[in-house]
Structure formats: C-alpha cells, structure tokens
Amino acid sequence: MKSISMPLWPEGRPFAVTFSYDDGRDHDRRLVEIFNRSGLKGTFNLNGSRIGKEGVVTEAEVKSLYTGHEVAAHFLTHPFPSRIPRERLVVEVMEDRKRLESLTGGVVDGLAYPFGDWNAEVIQGLQACGIRYARTTVATNGFACKPADWLAWHPTCHDRAVTPALMENFFTVRGWDTSARLFYIWGHSYEFDREGGWESIEGICRTLRERGGEKLWAATNGMVRDYMAATQSLRFGADGQAVVNPSALDVWIVVDGATVRVPAGKTAAL
C-alpha cells in the first residue's frame, strides 16, 4: 500500500508564510511597500466606518493600495464582539463586508476579531454572515497548516514575538515530517512607527525570503484557506491507486516520498 502524506503548498513547497494586520491605519502604506519589495503577501483587516478618518487609509486608495494582498473584515465600528447583541453583530459584520466589497470590487469573507474577543456565540453569528475564516490573537508558536476551527484560527505569534529561534525552528525540517508548515504572523502597522520597530519587520521579511527562497509560498490568509479547502476536497480510491481533485486548484501531496501534483478537476493515478 502506498504511503500518502498531505498536503504540500503550491508547486510542492514545504513552507508558507501569511501576515494579518488590523485597523487600516495609514502606516499600512509603508508595510505594503515592504511586503511588495520582499515578494510577500498580507491580509489587511479594516473597519468600514473608520476608512477615510484621520490617520486611516482613504476610500480612494483601498483598492489600489491592497492590490495583490487581501482586504478582510474587522467589524464595522471595532466593538468587542462578545459584548454586543446578536442582532448588532450581524449588522457590524454584514455592513463592514458590504462597505469593503464596494471599495475593492471583490468578495470579503475573512475576518479578524477586534480586541481578539470571541466566543462560541460570536462564531455562530459569523457563520450566519458567511465568514469563512476568522483570526484570533491566541499565539500557538507552532506551524500547523490549518486550524481545528477556521473561525477560531490562531496565528503563530505577534510580530514582536518572532525570534531567531522561532524562525530557525520553522525552517528546520525533520526527516519524519513531510507535511506543509505555515508561519502566521499578525500585528498592527502603527506599532512599528510608535515603537520604532520598522527595522524588525524589514528583518523578518528579509530572513523569510532569504531562508525560504523558492521553497517558501507567500500567501494571504484567504489563499491559505482556499488551498486547504482544495486539499480537503480530495477523494482517494480505497486501494490508494488514484485520487480525484474536484476543486479549481492544483494540489500537491507526497506519495511514497515523492511530490505529486493532483491537477484541478482531474483524476490522477498514484
């Protein structure tokens, strides 16, 4: 019987990195420039009612500024989600989605919890609002490629907690571990300006790009979610000789120690 391990990231890459930044402050402009220069991607979580306010990105620039990245929701007015009525939660999320979609021309179905505040009732509300993933502020210090619950997606750590030791651990591949690894970093761009930390994020991006090279996939939160959904849709034959990929994305897996591409919409022999 064949040994099958899944998944690898696109093109068979073993490593992926994704960033998540909240509030849409005008410091995002500098952060986006750093990401673009480094060939990395971020998800930017915005409050629809704050766009255009002092110190926040403008309506006119939202679409162009975040091109190549992802805009996600952060509730309309940045309340504590667990402290508002269910009816208000629906308004906060849906109005934020609609406002952001009108500015980007796309679908906004990702989210980060304001204040990192969430509970089971909040998750139920997000499900009703069509949210596909939601980021918490709970650090795992690990590199799992998918969470147990996409609506309680815990990141690896805050950007201030990225250490050389953690980075080394991420890139250290052990012989028995052939699965994909994800480094998920979150924060607020204005903290770099306030705390004099722009050099730190520059260093993080430089190290990721230099250490990862062609083996590192740079993705938004939504791209990670979409790819993992594609891997979870794979259907394997009982004898392990074939696999069906019903999704619109190519998927890479490991079969008997070799990297195998499973084309979108195809049945592949293993």
C-alpha atoms as a PDB file:
ATOM      1  CA  MET A   1       0.000   0.000   0.000  1.00  0.00           C
ATOM      2  CA  LYS A   2       1.287   3.457  -0.906  1.00  0.00           C
ATOM      3  CA  SER A   3       2.312   5.941   1.770  1.00  0.00           C
ATOM      4  CA  ILE A   4       0.380   9.194   1.263  1.00  0.00           C
ATOM      5  CA  SER A   5       1.070  12.420   3.161  1.00  0.00           C
ATOM      6  CA  MET A   6      -0.734  15.710   2.582  1.00  0.00           C
ATOM      7  CA  PRO A   7      -0.542  18.460   1.833  1.00  0.00           C
ATOM      8  CA  LEU A   8       2.394  20.380   0.445  1.00  0.00           C
ATOM      9  CA  TRP A   9       1.914  24.005  -0.576  1.00  0.00           C
ATOM     10  CA  PRO A  10       1.572  25.002  -4.267  1.00  0.00           C
ATOM     11  CA  GLU A  11       4.403  23.802  -6.523  1.00  0.00           C
ATOM     12  CA  GLY A  12       5.347  21.310  -3.812  1.00  0.00           C
ATOM     13  CA  ARG A  13       6.730  23.919  -1.450  1.00  0.00           C
ATOM     14  CA  PRO A  14       7.159  22.815   2.187  1.00  0.00           C
ATOM     15  CA  PHE A  15       6.925  26.298   3.739  1.00  0.00           C
ATOM     16  CA  ALA A  16       4.336  29.092   3.645  1.00  0.00           C
ATOM     17  CA  VAL A  17       4.030  32.447   5.354  1.00  0.00           C
ATOM     18  CA  THR A  18       0.985  34.653   5.801  1.00  0.00           C
ATOM     19  CA  PHE A  19       0.544  38.000   7.566  1.00  0.00           C
ATOM     20  CA  SER A  20      -2.531  39.627   9.128  1.00  0.00           C
ATOM     21  CA  TYR A  21      -2.658  43.344  10.071  1.00  0.00           C
ATOM     22  CA  ASP A  22      -5.533  45.178  11.701  1.00  0.00           C
ATOM     23  CA  ASP A  23      -7.276  48.564  11.633  1.00  0.00           C
ATOM     24  CA  GLY A  24      -6.244  50.029   8.257  1.00  0.00           C
ATOM     25  CA  ARG A  25      -4.096  52.811   9.659  1.00  0.00           C
ATOM     26  CA  ASP A  26      -2.122  54.863   7.158  1.00  0.00           C
ATOM     27  CA  HIS A  27       1.031  53.046   8.296  1.00  0.00           C
ATOM     28  CA  ASP A  28      -0.236  50.205   6.109  1.00  0.00           C
ATOM     29  CA  ARG A  29       1.197  52.104   3.150  1.00  0.00           C
ATOM     30  CA  ARG A  30       4.748  51.563   4.332  1.00  0.00           C
ATOM     31  CA  LEU A  31       4.049  47.961   5.338  1.00  0.00           C
ATOM     32  CA  VAL A  32       2.538  47.135   1.935  1.00  0.00           C
ATOM     33  CA  GLU A  33       5.629  48.593   0.276  1.00  0.00           C
ATOM     34  CA  ILE A  34       7.848  46.334   2.408  1.00  0.00           C
ATOM     35  CA  PHE A  35       5.758  43.281   1.551  1.00  0.00           C
ATOM     36  CA  ASN A  36       5.780  44.124  -2.155  1.00  0.00           C
ATOM     37  CA  ARG A  37       9.526  44.603  -2.161  1.00  0.00           C
ATOM     38  CA  SER A  38      10.002  41.284  -0.363  1.00  0.00           C
ATOM     39  CA  GLY A  39       7.548  39.359  -2.547  1.00  0.00           C
ATOM     40  CA  LEU A  40       5.319  38.629   0.464  1.00  0.00           C
ATOM     41  CA  LYS A  41       1.571  38.978   0.958  1.00  0.00           C
ATOM     42  CA  GLY A  42      -0.641  40.226   3.752  1.00  0.00           C
ATOM     43  CA  THR A  43      -4.274  40.286   4.789  1.00  0.00           C
ATOM     44  CA  PHE A  44      -5.458  43.705   5.989  1.00  0.00           C
ATOM     45  CA  ASN A  45      -8.472  43.782   8.294  1.00  0.00           C
ATOM     46  CA  LEU A  46     -10.431  47.034   8.015  1.00  0.00           C
ATOM     47  CA  ASN A  47     -13.277  48.738   9.863  1.00  0.00           C
ATOM     48  CA  GLY A  48     -15.618  50.138   7.229  1.00  0.00           C
ATOM     49  CA  SER A  49     -16.798  53.093   9.320  1.00  0.00           C
ATOM     50  CA  ARG A  50     -13.250  54.286  10.020  1.00  0.00           C
ATOM     51  CA  ILE A  51     -11.982  54.406   6.448  1.00  0.00           C
ATOM     52  CA  GLY A  52     -11.173  57.996   5.493  1.00  0.00           C
ATOM     53  CA  LYS A  53     -10.910  59.175   9.097  1.00  0.00           C
ATOM     54  CA  GLU A  54      -7.760  60.903  10.293  1.00  0.00           C
ATOM     55  CA  GLY A  55      -4.834  58.505  10.335  1.00  0.00           C
ATOM     56  CA  VAL A  56      -6.700  55.794   8.401  1.00  0.00           C
ATOM     57  CA  VAL A  57      -6.422  54.844   4.720  1.00  0.00           C
ATOM     58  CA  THR A  58      -8.809  56.612   2.360  1.00  0.00           C
ATOM     59  CA  GLU A  59     -11.675  55.178   0.332  1.00  0.00           C
ATOM     60  CA  ALA A  60      -9.953  56.125  -2.898  1.00  0.00           C
ATOM     61  CA  GLU A  61      -6.786  54.193  -2.161  1.00  0.00           C
ATOM     62  CA  VAL A  62      -8.173  50.971  -0.665  1.00  0.00           C
ATOM     63  CA  LYS A  63      -8.395  49.064  -3.946  1.00  0.00           C
ATOM     64  CA  SER A  64      -5.026  50.166  -5.324  1.00  0.00           C
ATOM     65  CA  LEU A  65      -3.069  50.045  -2.055  1.00  0.00           C
ATOM     66  CA  TYR A  66      -4.015  46.455  -1.245  1.00  0.00           C
ATOM     67  CA  THR A  67      -3.745  45.106  -4.793  1.00  0.00           C
ATOM     68  CA  GLY A  68      -2.009  41.739  -4.631  1.00  0.00           C
ATOM     69  CA  HIS A  69      -2.969  41.384  -0.986  1.00  0.00           C
ATOM     70  CA  GLU A  70      -6.304  40.731   0.753  1.00  0.00           C
ATOM     71  CA  VAL A  71      -8.845  43.004   2.413  1.00  0.00           C
ATOM     72  CA  ALA A  72     -10.784  41.332   5.218  1.00  0.00           C
ATOM     73  CA  ALA A  73     -13.382  42.474   7.743  1.00  0.00           C
ATOM     74  CA  HIS A  74     -12.710  43.720  11.274  1.00  0.00           C
ATOM     75  CA  PHE A  75     -16.299  44.668  12.219  1.00  0.00           C
ATOM     76  CA  LEU A  76     -17.786  47.996  11.153  1.00  0.00           C
ATOM     77  CA  THR A  77     -17.003  50.031  14.291  1.00  0.00           C
ATOM     78  CA  HIS A  78     -14.446  47.817  16.112  1.00  0.00           C
ATOM     79  CA  PRO A  79     -16.601  46.723  19.099  1.00  0.00           C
ATOM     80  CA  PHE A  80     -15.951  43.849  21.499  1.00  0.00           C
ATOM     81  CA  PRO A  81     -17.813  41.118  19.571  1.00  0.00           C
ATOM     82  CA  SER A  82     -18.880  39.155  22.666  1.00  0.00           C
ATOM     83  CA  ARG A  83     -20.401  42.243  24.296  1.00  0.00           C
ATOM     84  CA  ILE A  84     -22.911  43.216  21.636  1.00  0.00           C
ATOM     85  CA  PRO A  85     -26.338  41.675  20.858  1.00  0.00           C
ATOM     86  CA  ARG A  86     -26.511  39.039  18.140  1.00  0.00           C
ATOM     87  CA  GLU A  87     -28.580  41.417  16.014  1.00  0.00           C
ATOM     88  CA  ARG A  88     -25.878  44.088  16.285  1.00  0.00           C
ATOM     89  CA  LEU A  89     -23.146  41.563  15.488  1.00  0.00           C
ATOM     90  CA  VAL A  90     -24.880  40.710  12.216  1.00  0.00           C
ATOM     91  CA  VAL A  91     -25.116  44.400  11.315  1.00  0.00           C
ATOM     92  CA  GLU A  92     -21.469  45.020  12.249  1.00  0.00           C
ATOM     93  CA  VAL A  93     -20.184  42.170  10.098  1.00  0.00           C
ATOM     94  CA  MET A  94     -22.510  42.474   7.127  1.00  0.00           C
ATOM     95  CA  GLU A  95     -22.231  46.259   6.851  1.00  0.00           C
ATOM     96  CA  ASP A  96     -18.451  46.005   7.116  1.00  0.00           C
ATOM     97  CA  ARG A  97     -18.410  43.371   4.382  1.00  0.00           C
ATOM     98  CA  LYS A  98     -20.642  45.442   2.107  1.00  0.00           C
ATOM     99  CA  ARG A  99     -18.600  48.605   2.620  1.00  0.00           C
ATOM    100  CA  LEU A 100     -15.308  46.852   1.914  1.00  0.00           C
ATOM    101  CA  GLU A 101     -16.689  44.986  -1.080  1.00  0.00           C
ATOM    102  CA  SER A 102     -17.934  48.238  -2.582  1.00  0.00           C
ATOM    103  CA  LEU A 103     -14.404  49.651  -2.310  1.00  0.00           C
ATOM    104  CA  THR A 104     -12.486  46.595  -3.533  1.00  0.00           C
ATOM    105  CA  GLY A 105     -14.909  45.176  -6.076  1.00  0.00           C
ATOM    106  CA  GLY A 106     -14.331  41.709  -4.627  1.00  0.00           C
ATOM    107  CA  VAL A 107     -15.790  39.324  -2.065  1.00  0.00           C
ATOM    108  CA  VAL A 108     -14.781  39.915   1.564  1.00  0.00           C
ATOM    109  CA  ASP A 109     -15.370  36.778   3.624  1.00  0.00           C
ATOM    110  CA  GLY A 110     -12.392  36.707   6.007  1.00  0.00           C
ATOM    111  CA  LEU A 111     -12.197  38.485   9.359  1.00  0.00           C
ATOM    112  CA  ALA A 112     -10.042  39.294  12.379  1.00  0.00           C
ATOM    113  CA  TYR A 113     -11.656  39.683  15.798  1.00  0.00           C
ATOM    114  CA  PRO A 114     -11.450  43.202  17.263  1.00  0.00           C
ATOM    115  CA  PHE A 115      -9.521  43.083  20.555  1.00  0.00           C
ATOM    116  CA  GLY A 116      -9.085  39.352  19.903  1.00  0.00           C
ATOM    117  CA  ASP A 117     -12.516  38.945  21.501  1.00  0.00           C
ATOM    118  CA  TRP A 118     -14.656  35.937  20.533  1.00  0.00           C
ATOM    119  CA  ASN A 119     -16.688  33.058  21.930  1.00  0.00           C
ATOM    120  CA  ALA A 120     -18.946  30.262  20.676  1.00  0.00           C
ATOM    121  CA  GLU A 121     -21.930  32.588  20.176  1.00  0.00           C
ATOM    122  CA  VAL A 122     -19.831  35.003  18.134  1.00  0.00           C
ATOM    123  CA  ILE A 123     -18.670  32.134  15.933  1.00  0.00           C
ATOM    124  CA  GLN A 124     -22.293  31.129  15.322  1.00  0.00           C
ATOM    125  CA  GLY A 125     -23.047  34.685  14.268  1.00  0.00           C
ATOM    126  CA  LEU A 126     -20.119  34.744  11.845  1.00  0.00           C
ATOM    127  CA  GLN A 127     -21.314  31.511  10.276  1.00  0.00           C
ATOM    128  CA  ALA A 128     -24.663  33.150   9.578  1.00  0.00           C
ATOM    129  CA  CYS A 129     -22.839  36.089   7.983  1.00  0.00           C
ATOM    130  CA  GLY A 130     -20.920  33.953   5.510  1.00  0.00           C
ATOM    131  CA  ILE A 131     -17.495  34.424   7.083  1.00  0.00           C
ATOM    132  CA  ARG A 132     -15.101  31.632   6.010  1.00  0.00           C
ATOM    133  CA  TYR A 133     -12.288  32.245   8.474  1.00  0.00           C
ATOM    134  CA  ALA A 134     -11.619  34.454  11.499  1.00  0.00           C
ATOM    135  CA  ARG A 135      -8.278  35.167  13.147  1.00  0.00           C
ATOM    136  CA  THR A 136      -7.817  35.326  16.907  1.00  0.00           C
ATOM    137  CA  THR A 137      -4.855  36.754  18.832  1.00  0.00           C
ATOM    138  CA  VAL A 138      -4.016  33.462  20.568  1.00  0.00           C
ATOM    139  CA  ALA A 139      -0.395  32.559  19.777  1.00  0.00           C
ATOM    140  CA  THR A 140       0.375  28.899  19.122  1.00  0.00           C
ATOM    141  CA  ASN A 141       4.114  29.330  18.473  1.00  0.00           C
ATOM    142  CA  GLY A 142       3.558  26.449  16.070  1.00  0.00           C
ATOM    143  CA  PHE A 143       3.308  25.999  12.323  1.00  0.00           C
ATOM    144  CA  ALA A 144       0.176  23.934  11.678  1.00  0.00           C
ATOM    145  CA  CYS A 145      -1.106  24.415   8.134  1.00  0.00           C
ATOM    146  CA  LYS A 146      -4.755  24.560   9.209  1.00  0.00           C
ATOM    147  CA  PRO A 147      -6.684  25.204  12.428  1.00  0.00           C
ATOM    148  CA  ALA A 148      -9.141  22.879  14.129  1.00  0.00           C
ATOM    149  CA  ASP A 149     -11.783  25.573  13.524  1.00  0.00           C
ATOM    150  CA  TRP A 150     -11.387  28.141  10.733  1.00  0.00           C
ATOM    151  CA  LEU A 151     -13.490  30.593  12.760  1.00  0.00           C
ATOM    152  CA  ALA A 152     -11.005  30.340  15.618  1.00  0.00           C
ATOM    153  CA  TRP A 153      -7.798  30.480  13.595  1.00  0.00           C
ATOM    154  CA  HIS A 154      -4.893  31.019  15.985  1.00  0.00           C
ATOM    155  CA  PRO A 155      -1.746  32.587  14.477  1.00  0.00           C
ATOM    156  CA  THR A 156       1.799  31.514  15.175  1.00  0.00           C
ATOM    157  CA  CYS A 157       2.537  34.752  17.032  1.00  0.00           C
ATOM    158  CA  HIS A 158       2.515  38.552  17.055  1.00  0.00           C
ATOM    159  CA  ASP A 159       5.302  40.120  15.003  1.00  0.00           C
ATOM    160  CA  ARG A 160       7.051  41.282  18.192  1.00  0.00           C
ATOM    161  CA  ALA A 161       7.364  37.641  19.269  1.00  0.00           C
ATOM    162  CA  VAL A 162       9.209  36.495  16.140  1.00  0.00           C
ATOM    163  CA  THR A 163      12.647  35.437  17.379  1.00  0.00           C
ATOM    164  CA  PRO A 164      15.682  33.936  15.606  1.00  0.00           C
ATOM    165  CA  ALA A 165      14.996  30.681  17.472  1.00  0.00           C
ATOM    166  CA  LEU A 166      11.375  30.570  16.265  1.00  0.00           C
ATOM    167  CA  MET A 167      12.477  31.318  12.717  1.00  0.00           C
ATOM    168  CA  GLU A 168      15.092  28.564  12.897  1.00  0.00           C
ATOM    169  CA  ASN A 169      12.505  26.116  14.189  1.00  0.00           C
ATOM    170  CA  PHE A 170      10.221  26.965  11.276  1.00  0.00           C
ATOM    171  CA  PHE A 171      12.863  26.191   8.674  1.00  0.00           C
ATOM    172  CA  THR A 172      14.203  23.067  10.397  1.00  0.00           C
ATOM    173  CA  VAL A 173      12.762  20.055   8.560  1.00  0.00           C
ATOM    174  CA  ARG A 174      12.904  16.737  10.368  1.00  0.00           C
ATOM    175  CA  GLY A 175      13.082  13.557   8.309  1.00  0.00           C
ATOM    176  CA  TRP A 176       9.818  12.174   9.596  1.00  0.00           C
ATOM    177  CA  ASP A 177       7.872  15.382   8.963  1.00  0.00           C
ATOM    178  CA  THR A 178       6.897  15.735   5.285  1.00  0.00           C
ATOM    179  CA  SER A 179       3.804  17.915   5.781  1.00  0.00           C
ATOM    180  CA  ALA A 180       3.448  21.597   4.985  1.00  0.00           C
ATOM    181  CA  ARG A 181       4.338  24.257   7.551  1.00  0.00           C
ATOM    182  CA  LEU A 182       2.739  27.694   7.946  1.00  0.00           C
ATOM    183  CA  PHE A 183       4.240  30.715   9.704  1.00  0.00           C
ATOM    184  CA  TYR A 184       1.297  33.003  10.550  1.00  0.00           C
ATOM    185  CA  ILE A 185       2.269  36.472  11.821  1.00  0.00           C
ATOM    186  CA  TRP A 186      -0.133  39.212  12.923  1.00  0.00           C
ATOM    187  CA  GLY A 187       0.044  42.744  14.279  1.00  0.00           C
ATOM    188  CA  HIS A 188      -0.732  46.435  13.722  1.00  0.00           C
ATOM    189  CA  SER A 189       1.327  48.507  11.304  1.00  0.00           C
ATOM    190  CA  TYR A 190       1.129  51.607  13.522  1.00  0.00           C
ATOM    191  CA  GLU A 191       3.018  49.766  16.261  1.00  0.00           C
ATOM    192  CA  PHE A 192       6.159  49.785  14.117  1.00  0.00           C
ATOM    193  CA  ASP A 193       6.051  53.573  13.938  1.00  0.00           C
ATOM    194  CA  ARG A 194       5.158  54.067  17.594  1.00  0.00           C
ATOM    195  CA  GLU A 195       7.740  51.648  18.914  1.00  0.00           C
ATOM    196  CA  GLY A 196      10.474  52.233  16.368  1.00  0.00           C
ATOM    197  CA  GLY A 197      10.193  48.728  15.018  1.00  0.00           C
ATOM    198  CA  TRP A 198      10.223  49.111  11.246  1.00  0.00           C
ATOM    199  CA  GLU A 199      13.665  47.525  11.204  1.00  0.00           C
ATOM    200  CA  SER A 200      12.190  44.428  12.855  1.00  0.00           C
ATOM    201  CA  ILE A 201       9.566  43.767  10.184  1.00  0.00           C
ATOM    202  CA  GLU A 202      12.131  44.518   7.479  1.00  0.00           C
ATOM    203  CA  GLY A 203      14.376  41.895   9.075  1.00  0.00           C
ATOM    204  CA  ILE A 204      11.567  39.344   9.375  1.00  0.00           C
ATOM    205  CA  CYS A 205      10.667  39.733   5.713  1.00  0.00           C
ATOM    206  CA  ARG A 206      14.295  39.598   4.606  1.00  0.00           C
ATOM    207  CA  THR A 207      15.010  36.450   6.618  1.00  0.00           C
ATOM    208  CA  LEU A 208      11.866  34.701   5.366  1.00  0.00           C
ATOM    209  CA  ARG A 209      12.710  35.466   1.771  1.00  0.00           C
ATOM    210  CA  GLU A 210      16.413  34.600   2.048  1.00  0.00           C
ATOM    211  CA  ARG A 211      15.932  31.414   4.076  1.00  0.00           C
ATOM    212  CA  GLY A 212      12.827  30.234   2.258  1.00  0.00           C
ATOM    213  CA  GLY A 213      13.797  31.063  -1.296  1.00  0.00           C
ATOM    214  CA  GLU A 214      11.809  29.059  -3.833  1.00  0.00           C
ATOM    215  CA  LYS A 215      10.628  26.699  -1.094  1.00  0.00           C
ATOM    216  CA  LEU A 216       8.503  29.428   0.536  1.00  0.00           C
ATOM    217  CA  TRP A 217       4.939  30.175  -0.591  1.00  0.00           C
ATOM    218  CA  ALA A 218       3.806  33.727   0.185  1.00  0.00           C
ATOM    219  CA  ALA A 219       0.025  33.812   0.645  1.00  0.00           C
ATOM    220  CA  THR A 220      -2.804  35.857   2.060  1.00  0.00           C
ATOM    221  CA  ASN A 221      -4.994  34.335   4.761  1.00  0.00           C
ATOM    222  CA  GLY A 222      -7.694  33.733   2.175  1.00  0.00           C
ATOM    223  CA  MET A 223      -5.293  31.984  -0.187  1.00  0.00           C
ATOM    224  CA  VAL A 224      -4.279  29.600   2.608  1.00  0.00           C
ATOM    225  CA  ARG A 225      -7.932  28.929   3.409  1.00  0.00           C
ATOM    226  CA  ASP A 226      -8.775  28.270  -0.258  1.00  0.00           C
ATOM    227  CA  TYR A 227      -5.833  25.939  -0.788  1.00  0.00           C
ATOM    228  CA  MET A 228      -6.568  23.923   2.332  1.00  0.00           C
ATOM    229  CA  ALA A 229     -10.211  23.631   1.254  1.00  0.00           C
ATOM    230  CA  ALA A 230      -8.963  22.189  -2.041  1.00  0.00           C
ATOM    231  CA  THR A 231      -6.770  19.644  -0.261  1.00  0.00           C
ATOM    232  CA  GLN A 232      -9.664  18.614   1.970  1.00  0.00           C
ATOM    233  CA  SER A 233     -11.861  18.015  -1.081  1.00  0.00           C
ATOM    234  CA  LEU A 234      -9.524  15.325  -2.473  1.00  0.00           C
ATOM    235  CA  ARG A 235     -11.137  11.883  -2.799  1.00  0.00           C
ATOM    236  CA  PHE A 236      -8.849   8.849  -2.660  1.00  0.00           C
ATOM    237  CA  GLY A 237      -9.597   5.401  -4.019  1.00  0.00           C
ATOM    238  CA  ALA A 238      -9.891   2.574  -1.498  1.00  0.00           C
ATOM    239  CA  ASP A 239      -6.808   0.891  -2.972  1.00  0.00           C
ATOM    240  CA  GLY A 240      -4.756   4.117  -2.859  1.00  0.00           C
ATOM    241  CA  GLN A 241      -4.058   3.978  -6.600  1.00  0.00           C
ATOM    242  CA  ALA A 242      -5.982   7.096  -7.669  1.00  0.00           C
ATOM    243  CA  VAL A 243      -7.215  10.436  -6.371  1.00  0.00           C
ATOM    244  CA  VAL A 244      -9.903  12.842  -7.595  1.00  0.00           C
ATOM    245  CA  ASN A 245      -9.448  16.590  -7.239  1.00  0.00           C
ATOM    246  CA  PRO A 246     -12.879  18.208  -7.732  1.00  0.00           C
ATOM    247  CA  SER A 247     -11.614  21.700  -6.864  1.00  0.00           C
ATOM    248  CA  ALA A 248     -10.435  24.504  -9.159  1.00  0.00           C
ATOM    249  CA  LEU A 249      -6.918  24.478  -7.666  1.00  0.00           C
ATOM    250  CA  ASP A 250      -3.998  22.136  -8.311  1.00  0.00           C
ATOM    251  CA  VAL A 251      -2.947  20.361  -5.129  1.00  0.00           C
ATOM    252  CA  TRP A 252       0.415  18.831  -4.189  1.00  0.00           C
ATOM    253  CA  ILE A 253       0.823  15.773  -1.952  1.00  0.00           C
ATOM    254  CA  VAL A 254       3.600  13.313  -1.046  1.00  0.00           C
ATOM    255  CA  VAL A 255       3.276   9.717  -2.282  1.00  0.00           C
ATOM    256  CA  ASP A 256       5.938   7.212  -1.246  1.00  0.00           C
ATOM    257  CA  GLY A 257       8.302  10.084  -0.542  1.00  0.00           C
ATOM    258  CA  ALA A 258       7.803  11.754  -3.937  1.00  0.00           C
ATOM    259  CA  THR A 259       5.986  15.034  -4.646  1.00  0.00           C
ATOM    260  CA  VAL A 260       2.868  14.542  -6.758  1.00  0.00           C
ATOM    261  CA  ARG A 261       0.701  17.234  -8.367  1.00  0.00           C
ATOM    262  CA  VAL A 262      -3.015  16.496  -8.490  1.00  0.00           C
ATOM    263  CA  PRO A 263      -4.440  18.749 -11.245  1.00  0.00           C
ATOM    264  CA  ALA A 264      -7.613  20.739 -10.687  1.00  0.00           C
ATOM    265  CA  GLY A 265     -10.745  18.941 -11.837  1.00  0.00           C
ATOM    266  CA  LYS A 266      -8.859  15.751 -12.704  1.00  0.00           C
ATOM    267  CA  THR A 267      -8.383  12.166 -11.572  1.00  0.00           C
ATOM    268  CA  ALA A 268      -4.717  11.323 -11.076  1.00  0.00           C
ATOM    269  CA  ALA A 269      -3.044   7.916 -10.822  1.00  0.00           C
ATOM    270  CA  LEU A 270      -0.792   7.496  -7.791  1.00  0.00           C
END
